[in-house]
Protein backbone atom coordinates (compact mmCIF):
# COMPACT_ATOMS: atom_id res chain seq x y z
CA UNK A 1 0.00 0.00 0.00
CA UNK A 2 2.87 2.35 0.85
CA UNK A 3 4.46 1.65 -2.53
CA UNK A 4 1.14 2.41 -4.28
CA UNK A 5 0.95 5.76 -2.47
CA UNK A 6 4.48 6.62 -3.58
CA UNK A 7 3.60 5.69 -7.13
CA UNK A 8 0.51 7.95 -7.11
CA UNK A 9 2.59 10.85 -5.69
CA UNK A 10 5.25 10.38 -8.39
CA UNK A 11 2.60 10.45 -11.13
CA UNK A 12 1.08 13.63 -9.70
CA UNK A 13 4.46 15.36 -9.69
CA UNK A 14 5.05 14.33 -13.29
CA UNK A 15 1.68 15.80 -14.32
CA UNK A 16 2.46 19.11 -12.60
CA UNK A 17 5.83 19.30 -14.31
CA UNK A 18 4.23 18.63 -17.69
CA UNK A 19 1.53 21.36 -17.27
CA UNK A 20 1.89 24.55 -19.39
CA UNK A 21 3.91 27.28 -17.68
CA UNK A 22 1.89 30.18 -16.23
CA UNK A 23 3.33 33.57 -15.38
CA UNK A 24 2.46 37.22 -14.87
CA UNK A 25 2.87 39.50 -17.89
CA UNK A 26 6.33 40.92 -18.34
CA UNK A 27 6.04 44.35 -16.69
CA UNK A 28 9.55 45.25 -17.73
CA UNK A 29 10.94 48.79 -17.85
CA UNK A 30 9.83 49.36 -21.45
CA UNK A 31 6.23 48.27 -20.79
CA UNK A 32 6.06 50.30 -17.58
CA UNK A 33 7.25 53.35 -19.52
CA UNK A 34 4.51 52.84 -22.12
CA UNK A 35 1.90 52.54 -19.37
CA UNK A 36 3.20 55.72 -17.75
CA UNK A 37 3.17 57.66 -21.02
CA UNK A 38 -0.34 56.49 -21.93
CA UNK A 39 -1.72 57.50 -18.52
CA UNK A 40 0.03 60.90 -18.65
CA UNK A 41 -1.24 61.61 -22.18
CA UNK A 42 -4.82 60.78 -21.18
CA UNK A 43 -4.56 62.94 -18.04
CA UNK A 44 -3.09 65.93 -19.91
CA UNK A 45 -5.89 65.86 -22.49
CA UNK A 46 -8.31 67.17 -19.84
CA UNK A 47 -5.81 69.26 -17.85
CA UNK A 48 -4.93 72.99 -18.04
CA UNK A 49 -1.94 73.76 -20.32
CA UNK A 50 0.56 74.41 -17.49
CA UNK A 51 -0.57 71.53 -15.26
CA UNK A 52 1.90 69.06 -13.81
CA UNK A 53 0.87 65.39 -14.03
CA UNK A 54 2.15 62.62 -11.77
CA UNK A 55 1.23 58.96 -12.29
CA UNK A 56 1.78 56.20 -9.75
CA UNK A 57 1.23 52.71 -11.13
CA UNK A 58 0.04 49.96 -8.81
CA UNK A 59 0.54 46.22 -9.06
CA UNK A 60 -1.42 43.34 -10.46
CA UNK A 61 -3.17 41.03 -8.03
CA UNK A 62 -0.31 38.78 -6.77
CA UNK A 63 -2.58 35.73 -6.98
CA UNK A 64 -3.23 36.36 -10.68
CA UNK A 65 -1.43 33.95 -13.03
CA UNK A 66 -1.42 34.66 -16.74
CA UNK A 67 -0.15 32.62 -19.65
CA UNK A 68 3.04 33.96 -21.29
CA UNK A 69 2.40 36.63 -23.93
CA UNK A 70 4.63 37.74 -26.82
CA UNK A 71 2.96 41.16 -27.24
CA UNK A 72 1.22 43.12 -24.46
CA UNK A 73 -0.75 46.27 -25.33
CA UNK A 74 -1.56 48.97 -22.74
CA UNK A 75 -4.88 50.82 -23.18
CA UNK A 76 -7.27 53.10 -21.30
CA UNK A 77 -10.46 51.16 -20.42
CA UNK A 78 -13.79 52.74 -21.34
CA UNK A 79 -15.64 54.23 -18.40
CA UNK A 80 -12.52 54.80 -16.30
CA UNK A 81 -11.37 58.34 -15.51
CA UNK A 82 -7.88 59.46 -16.47
CA UNK A 83 -7.67 61.40 -13.18
CA UNK A 84 -7.55 60.29 -9.55
CA UNK A 85 -7.81 56.64 -8.55
CA UNK A 86 -8.38 54.69 -11.72
CA UNK A 87 -7.17 51.72 -13.75
CA UNK A 88 -5.19 51.15 -16.93
CA UNK A 89 -5.62 48.07 -19.11
CA UNK A 90 -3.24 45.40 -20.36
CA UNK A 91 -4.21 42.88 -23.01
CA UNK A 92 -2.35 40.14 -24.80
CA UNK A 93 -2.36 40.54 -28.59
CA UNK A 94 -0.08 37.67 -29.53
CA UNK A 95 -0.09 34.32 -27.82
CA UNK A 96 -2.53 33.76 -24.97
CA UNK A 97 -5.82 35.67 -24.83
CA UNK A 98 -6.16 37.63 -21.61
CA UNK A 99 -7.20 41.12 -20.59
CA UNK A 100 -6.44 42.60 -17.16
CA UNK A 101 -6.20 46.03 -15.55
CA UNK A 102 -3.65 47.69 -13.30
CA UNK A 103 -4.60 50.18 -10.55
CA UNK A 104 -3.10 53.66 -10.76
CA UNK A 105 -3.21 57.02 -9.01
CA UNK A 106 -3.10 60.13 -11.23
CA UNK A 107 -2.49 63.56 -9.72
CA UNK A 108 -2.88 66.76 -11.73
CA UNK A 109 -1.29 69.82 -10.12
CA UNK A 110 -2.35 73.30 -11.22
CA UNK A 111 -2.57 76.80 -9.74
CA UNK A 112 -6.09 77.53 -8.49
CA UNK A 113 -7.79 79.54 -5.76
CA UNK A 114 -7.34 78.37 -2.16
CA UNK A 115 -8.29 79.86 1.19
CA UNK A 116 -5.77 82.22 2.82
CA UNK A 117 -7.17 81.52 6.32
CA UNK A 118 -9.31 78.78 7.89
CA UNK A 119 -13.00 79.31 7.08
CA UNK A 120 -15.88 77.73 9.04
CA UNK A 121 -19.00 76.31 7.41
CA UNK A 122 -21.52 79.03 6.62
CA UNK A 123 -18.86 81.58 5.66
CA UNK A 124 -19.81 83.86 2.77
CA UNK A 125 -16.61 83.91 0.75
CA UNK A 126 -14.91 87.24 0.05
CA UNK A 127 -12.15 87.79 -2.49
CA UNK A 128 -9.65 88.86 0.21
CA UNK A 129 -10.00 85.38 1.77
CA UNK A 130 -8.54 83.77 -1.34
CA UNK A 131 -5.08 83.32 -2.80
CA UNK A 132 -3.49 81.22 -5.54
CA UNK A 133 -1.60 77.97 -4.92
CA UNK A 134 -0.78 74.72 -6.68
CA UNK A 135 -3.06 71.85 -5.66
CA UNK A 136 -4.07 68.44 -6.98
CA UNK A 137 -7.16 69.30 -9.01
CA UNK A 138 -7.75 65.59 -9.69
CA UNK A 139 -8.52 64.99 -5.99
CA UNK A 140 -12.18 64.23 -5.15
CA UNK A 141 -14.57 67.02 -4.23
CA UNK A 142 -15.63 68.53 -7.53
CA UNK A 143 -14.44 71.38 -9.72
CA UNK A 144 -11.94 74.01 -8.55
CA UNK A 145 -11.91 77.72 -9.38
CA UNK A 146 -9.42 80.15 -10.90
CA UNK A 147 -11.68 83.25 -11.06
CA UNK A 148 -12.32 84.85 -7.65
CA UNK A 149 -15.51 86.46 -8.99
CA UNK A 150 -17.04 82.99 -9.32
CA UNK A 151 -16.47 82.32 -5.59
CA UNK A 152 -17.14 85.72 -4.05
CA UNK A 153 -20.53 85.72 -2.34
CA UNK A 154 -20.83 81.92 -2.29
CA UNK A 155 -21.55 80.21 1.04
CA UNK A 156 -19.44 77.32 2.34
CA UNK A 157 -21.28 74.11 3.17
CA UNK A 158 -18.26 72.69 5.04
CA UNK A 159 -15.26 74.15 6.90
CA UNK A 160 -12.01 74.64 5.00
CA UNK A 161 -8.45 74.74 6.32
CA UNK A 162 -6.02 77.43 5.22
CA UNK A 163 -4.58 76.56 1.81
CA UNK A 164 -7.50 74.27 0.89
CA UNK A 165 -9.22 74.74 -2.46
CA UNK A 166 -12.96 75.53 -2.31
CA UNK A 167 -14.49 72.92 -4.62
CA UNK A 168 -17.93 72.98 -6.20
CA UNK A 169 -19.34 70.36 -3.81
CA UNK A 170 -18.12 72.38 -0.79
CA UNK A 171 -20.47 75.26 -1.66
CA UNK A 172 -24.14 75.66 -0.82
CA UNK A 173 -26.44 75.64 -3.84
CA UNK A 174 -27.63 79.08 -4.90
CA UNK A 175 -31.31 79.93 -5.25
CA UNK A 176 -31.68 82.08 -8.35
CA UNK A 177 -35.38 82.87 -7.95
CA UNK A 178 -38.49 81.99 -5.93
CA UNK A 179 -41.60 80.10 -7.01
CA UNK A 180 -44.04 82.43 -8.75
CA UNK A 181 -41.41 84.84 -10.05
CA UNK A 182 -41.24 85.83 -13.69
CA UNK A 183 -38.15 84.34 -15.31
CA UNK A 184 -36.45 84.58 -18.68
CA UNK A 185 -36.38 81.24 -20.51
CA UNK A 186 -33.69 80.69 -23.15
CA UNK A 187 -34.20 77.66 -25.41
CA UNK A 188 -30.91 76.52 -26.94
CA UNK A 189 -30.78 74.46 -30.11
CA UNK A 190 -28.13 73.57 -32.66
CA UNK A 191 -26.86 76.96 -33.79
CA UNK A 192 -29.78 79.03 -32.50
CA UNK A 193 -31.43 80.36 -29.32
CA UNK A 194 -35.00 81.51 -28.61
CA UNK A 195 -36.03 83.40 -25.49
CA UNK A 196 -39.28 84.22 -23.75
CA UNK A 197 -40.76 84.85 -20.30
CA UNK A 198 -42.75 82.59 -18.02
CA UNK A 199 -43.71 81.97 -14.41
CA UNK A 200 -41.53 79.69 -12.29
CA UNK A 201 -43.59 76.91 -10.73
CA UNK A 202 -40.82 76.09 -8.21
CA UNK A 203 -37.90 77.83 -6.60
CA UNK A 204 -34.92 77.93 -8.96
CA UNK A 205 -32.12 76.18 -7.09
CA UNK A 206 -28.72 75.64 -8.66
CA UNK A 207 -28.27 72.10 -9.97
CA UNK A 208 -32.01 71.24 -9.86
CA UNK A 209 -34.46 71.31 -12.74
CA UNK A 210 -37.42 73.67 -12.58
CA UNK A 211 -40.74 73.92 -14.43
CA UNK A 212 -41.81 77.19 -16.05
CA UNK A 213 -45.30 77.99 -17.36
CA UNK A 214 -45.74 80.38 -20.30
CA UNK A 215 -48.70 82.70 -20.75
CA UNK A 216 -50.30 80.28 -23.24
CA UNK A 217 -50.30 77.54 -20.61
CA UNK A 218 -47.39 75.56 -22.02
CA UNK A 219 -45.01 74.17 -19.39
CA UNK A 220 -41.31 73.50 -20.02
CA UNK A 221 -38.59 72.08 -17.81
CA UNK A 222 -35.19 73.73 -17.67
CA UNK A 223 -32.10 74.43 -15.59
CA UNK A 224 -31.67 77.59 -13.48
CA UNK A 225 -28.42 79.27 -14.56
CA UNK A 226 -28.60 82.78 -13.08
CA UNK A 227 -30.80 85.48 -11.59
CA UNK A 228 -34.33 84.73 -12.87
CA UNK A 229 -32.87 82.90 -15.86
CA UNK A 230 -33.61 79.35 -17.07
CA UNK A 231 -32.00 77.41 -19.93
CA UNK A 232 -33.84 74.72 -21.89
CA UNK A 233 -31.85 72.42 -24.19
CA UNK A 234 -33.65 71.39 -27.36
């Protein structure tokens, strides 16, 4: 019985040795450079002209085993952002057929407006509370600002430390008009615009759609964009 067990073990070892070799893709210096360049190019396409881009590539899952590949192609997967925490793809074009992705962190540094002093929530921002500094605009939190006029008079929804950039999601939504007010409605089409006046059926809050009724009884839905102003996309 002992000899039979040894025989079965020897056969198992022979089968393992005869199995096709499996390995991770060759992330050599040349391939890593291509990945880096692809990620930087994609990030710069949406960045300001003078922005500085930094890409940190992660690692494949250590438990992942892939068949050897003669030609690996890097690519940007659809639906993944080129900024912040994202992923970059690797696929085998010659040899085995596999397709995997590599985690990455992309930072985009640009000069934008930041606070010159700590500001508590509820602060109405004034221009003298702002200065310019380089920050990672790819960090979460929404859009940043470079024009102080776009921030002056806005109210903070959360406290900010000195040197922190006020982002769009850190600001309270503005109410452009009240329900019942007369508003100007601008209908925008391909290459043309038509305007008229109507009565707002709801308060016009930034980021929320509002219904407007015209004198003839027709009701349209649009987006508040300014003081008693609504845009409708056709």
